[in-house]
């Protein structure tokens, strides 16, 4: 640990016995247990929101979360001499969830269901008038915005004189993909999403916001810890499940048997209503990865497009069909 980072640690009322560096952060073994000192870009207000939310989860019985620690000056964010902001958080010695192991995947699904179950019990907690509660983006706004951007990218590529493989493939795929995007937006209008979203806001339904296998730690005693709540917000709770399901299915080539097991294990603990199942299916069938790859291309300002981006575009196009089939077979959702 560099000298000025040691100075940062001295801002906290902890005694470090040893430290080691990992991916832009430091593990700190202290008399109070393992902690993580990591650079952060979140505001002091958001840090306060996270602290109150995570403390409420701990009080509700969901203990293994990376709650931030106050400095000696009673702040949650510390600053090094070079102006870099840091946050010290409780941490847990363990390994990341292994997406190749079905047992780890199912355990992580059940862990998420338990997180949602505990969070539902504290949804009315008071966070103070000075703390702004973050809300998830409305799905209709998201779909319509992405659709407009897809059309803008198509116009840009059509008018481009020197087209490469990426541009020709985008134009080849566009009509079919865009029809799916439009149909998903239409189906959203006739779904129960609006009521689901309003209920989530009314009840202050908190979600993790970035629940993936990197943020789930398997501990030596068989329990699990959930970390990195930086994107936590009020939103439809199965957004977390959709995101984890999609990440896992991309690695497992949309294995329907595994997907059904994930749905069944979540539902066993937390339940899943028909509007929630429809929400997951709508999120699945919308060609988000295709939009994301095209949008990254549009904003890259590069004359040469890496072959990896071409592969991503092709994969996204193929997966659009796989996701539609998956939604039909797992959620009985028919787009057309």
Foldseek 3Di string as FASTA:
>chain_A
DDPQVVVQVLQAPWDFPDWDDDDQWIWTQTPVGIKIKHFDDDDQLLLLVQQVLLVQLCVLPQNFEWHWGATPVRGQWTATPVGTIITMTHHADFAFQDLVDLVSLLQLLLNLLVSLVSLLVCLPPDSDPVHDFAADDQVLVVLVVLLVLLVVLLVVLVPDDDDDPLSVVCVVLVVVLSVLSVLLSVVVVVACSVVLFVVQVVSNRKELQQDERRQWGQHPVRDIHGYDSSRIGRGRHCVNVLNHLVVSCVVVVLPLVSSLSSVVSSCVRNNADLSRLVVSLSVQLNLPQLSVLSVCVVPVPDPDDDVVSSVSNVSSSVSNVSSQVSSCVRSVDHSD
